[in-house]
Amino acid sequence: MPYHTGSKHNDDSKGKSKMDKPKPKKNDTSNDKGKKGEISQKEMARLIQHSTKHGGMKSKHMRNMIKMMKEGMSFAMAHKKAMELDKK
């Protein structure tokens, strides 16, 4: 016998309940990125703006960030790793 009595979710109901709809994943980046190895236009604009703080797009820091982002890292994670590499 089901434990959840008084539930509005019946098999004979005409409409679907909210429980039947799949929820979007919190970390779903399918709208932002196409495939692994690509950087969206929005991310590239953010990288270009960020490059002014690190000596331009050809600097070692920015090349590392682009490489890591193409591997699938987020901007924040790539920046953190690039900063660690800059200290070495």
C-alpha atoms as a PDB file:
ATOM      1  CA  MET A   1       0.000   0.000   0.000  1.00  0.00           C
ATOM      2  CA  PRO A   2       1.418   3.408  -0.930  1.00  0.00           C
ATOM      3  CA  TYR A   3       2.502   5.535   1.957  1.00  0.00           C
ATOM      4  CA  HIS A   4       1.688   8.895   0.383  1.00  0.00           C
ATOM      5  CA  THR A   5      -2.051   9.184   0.886  1.00  0.00           C
ATOM      6  CA  GLY A   6      -3.940  12.231  -0.238  1.00  0.00           C
ATOM      7  CA  SER A   7      -1.650  12.722  -3.217  1.00  0.00           C
ATOM      8  CA  LYS A   8      -3.104  14.640  -6.166  1.00  0.00           C
ATOM      9  CA  HIS A   9      -1.107  12.475  -8.560  1.00  0.00           C
ATOM     10  CA  ASN A  10      -3.563   9.871  -9.842  1.00  0.00           C
ATOM     11  CA  ASP A  11      -3.232   7.660 -12.894  1.00  0.00           C
ATOM     12  CA  ASP A  12      -6.658   8.745 -14.157  1.00  0.00           C
ATOM     13  CA  SER A  13      -5.871  12.480 -14.028  1.00  0.00           C
ATOM     14  CA  LYS A  14      -6.019  14.368 -17.318  1.00  0.00           C
ATOM     15  CA  GLY A  15      -3.011  16.663 -16.840  1.00  0.00           C
ATOM     16  CA  LYS A  16       0.516  15.754 -15.963  1.00  0.00           C
ATOM     17  CA  SER A  17       1.844  16.661 -12.585  1.00  0.00           C
ATOM     18  CA  LYS A  18       4.980  18.685 -12.041  1.00  0.00           C
ATOM     19  CA  MET A  19       6.726  15.491 -11.024  1.00  0.00           C
ATOM     20  CA  ASP A  20       6.427  14.063 -14.550  1.00  0.00           C
ATOM     21  CA  LYS A  21       8.440  16.861 -16.157  1.00  0.00           C
ATOM     22  CA  PRO A  22      12.227  16.411 -16.217  1.00  0.00           C
ATOM     23  CA  LYS A  23      14.038  19.140 -14.341  1.00  0.00           C
ATOM     24  CA  PRO A  24      16.941  20.891 -16.072  1.00  0.00           C
ATOM     25  CA  LYS A  25      20.283  20.067 -14.545  1.00  0.00           C
ATOM     26  CA  LYS A  26      21.908  22.799 -12.506  1.00  0.00           C
ATOM     27  CA  ASN A  27      25.290  22.538 -14.233  1.00  0.00           C
ATOM     28  CA  ASP A  28      23.893  22.004 -17.724  1.00  0.00           C
ATOM     29  CA  THR A  29      26.029  24.070 -20.104  1.00  0.00           C
ATOM     30  CA  SER A  30      24.605  22.670 -23.306  1.00  0.00           C
ATOM     31  CA  ASN A  31      23.092  26.070 -24.122  1.00  0.00           C
ATOM     32  CA  ASP A  32      26.411  27.866 -23.681  1.00  0.00           C
ATOM     33  CA  LYS A  33      28.838  25.447 -25.270  1.00  0.00           C
ATOM     34  CA  GLY A  34      28.534  23.252 -28.303  1.00  0.00           C
ATOM     35  CA  LYS A  35      31.170  20.567 -27.944  1.00  0.00           C
ATOM     36  CA  LYS A  36      34.202  20.002 -25.811  1.00  0.00           C
ATOM     37  CA  GLY A  37      37.007  22.023 -27.325  1.00  0.00           C
ATOM     38  CA  GLU A  38      34.875  25.023 -28.224  1.00  0.00           C
ATOM     39  CA  ILE A  39      34.573  28.346 -26.439  1.00  0.00           C
ATOM     40  CA  SER A  40      31.304  30.257 -26.787  1.00  0.00           C
ATOM     41  CA  GLN A  41      31.213  33.846 -27.999  1.00  0.00           C
ATOM     42  CA  LYS A  42      30.129  35.017 -24.558  1.00  0.00           C
ATOM     43  CA  GLU A  43      33.095  33.286 -22.903  1.00  0.00           C
ATOM     44  CA  MET A  44      35.507  34.595 -25.545  1.00  0.00           C
ATOM     45  CA  ALA A  45      34.307  38.159 -24.921  1.00  0.00           C
ATOM     46  CA  ARG A  46      34.901  37.626 -21.204  1.00  0.00           C
ATOM     47  CA  LEU A  47      38.393  36.269 -21.935  1.00  0.00           C
ATOM     48  CA  ILE A  48      39.262  39.276 -24.112  1.00  0.00           C
ATOM     49  CA  GLN A  49      38.120  41.669 -21.385  1.00  0.00           C
ATOM     50  CA  HIS A  50      40.062  39.661 -18.789  1.00  0.00           C
ATOM     51  CA  SER A  51      43.208  39.660 -20.938  1.00  0.00           C
ATOM     52  CA  THR A  52      43.704  43.384 -20.341  1.00  0.00           C
ATOM     53  CA  LYS A  53      44.667  42.502 -16.762  1.00  0.00           C
ATOM     54  CA  HIS A  54      47.240  39.925 -17.841  1.00  0.00           C
ATOM     55  CA  GLY A  55      49.132  41.474 -20.753  1.00  0.00           C
ATOM     56  CA  GLY A  56      46.900  40.601 -23.697  1.00  0.00           C
ATOM     57  CA  MET A  57      45.601  37.427 -25.311  1.00  0.00           C
ATOM     58  CA  LYS A  58      49.094  36.179 -26.182  1.00  0.00           C
ATOM     59  CA  SER A  59      50.298  36.101 -22.588  1.00  0.00           C
ATOM     60  CA  LYS A  60      51.124  32.786 -20.976  1.00  0.00           C
ATOM     61  CA  HIS A  61      48.265  33.191 -18.480  1.00  0.00           C
ATOM     62  CA  MET A  62      45.671  33.672 -21.216  1.00  0.00           C
ATOM     63  CA  ARG A  63      47.013  30.826 -23.378  1.00  0.00           C
ATOM     64  CA  ASN A  64      46.763  28.517 -20.353  1.00  0.00           C
ATOM     65  CA  MET A  65      43.209  29.668 -19.640  1.00  0.00           C
ATOM     66  CA  ILE A  66      42.079  29.109 -23.234  1.00  0.00           C
ATOM     67  CA  LYS A  67      43.679  25.674 -23.302  1.00  0.00           C
ATOM     68  CA  MET A  68      41.950  24.658 -20.063  1.00  0.00           C
ATOM     69  CA  MET A  69      38.589  26.032 -21.133  1.00  0.00           C
ATOM     70  CA  LYS A  70      38.808  24.062 -24.372  1.00  0.00           C
ATOM     71  CA  GLU A  71      39.344  20.975 -22.227  1.00  0.00           C
ATOM     72  CA  GLY A  72      36.006  21.688 -20.545  1.00  0.00           C
ATOM     73  CA  MET A  73      36.856  23.783 -17.479  1.00  0.00           C
ATOM     74  CA  SER A  74      34.784  26.775 -16.445  1.00  0.00           C
ATOM     75  CA  PHE A  75      36.204  30.289 -16.591  1.00  0.00           C
ATOM     76  CA  ALA A  76      36.652  30.431 -12.819  1.00  0.00           C
ATOM     77  CA  MET A  77      38.365  27.055 -12.578  1.00  0.00           C
ATOM     78  CA  ALA A  78      40.631  27.788 -15.556  1.00  0.00           C
ATOM     79  CA  HIS A  79      41.613  31.122 -14.002  1.00  0.00           C
ATOM     80  CA  LYS A  80      42.409  29.496 -10.679  1.00  0.00           C
ATOM     81  CA  LYS A  81      44.618  26.855 -12.335  1.00  0.00           C
ATOM     82  CA  ALA A  82      46.320  29.447 -14.561  1.00  0.00           C
ATOM     83  CA  MET A  83      47.125  31.573 -11.508  1.00  0.00           C
ATOM     84  CA  GLU A  84      48.725  28.530  -9.861  1.00  0.00           C
ATOM     85  CA  LEU A  85      50.831  27.933 -12.989  1.00  0.00           C
ATOM     86  CA  ASP A  86      51.860  31.614 -13.064  1.00  0.00           C
ATOM     87  CA  LYS A  87      53.332  31.306  -9.567  1.00  0.00           C
ATOM     88  CA  LYS A  88      55.658  28.454 -10.583  1.00  0.00           C
END
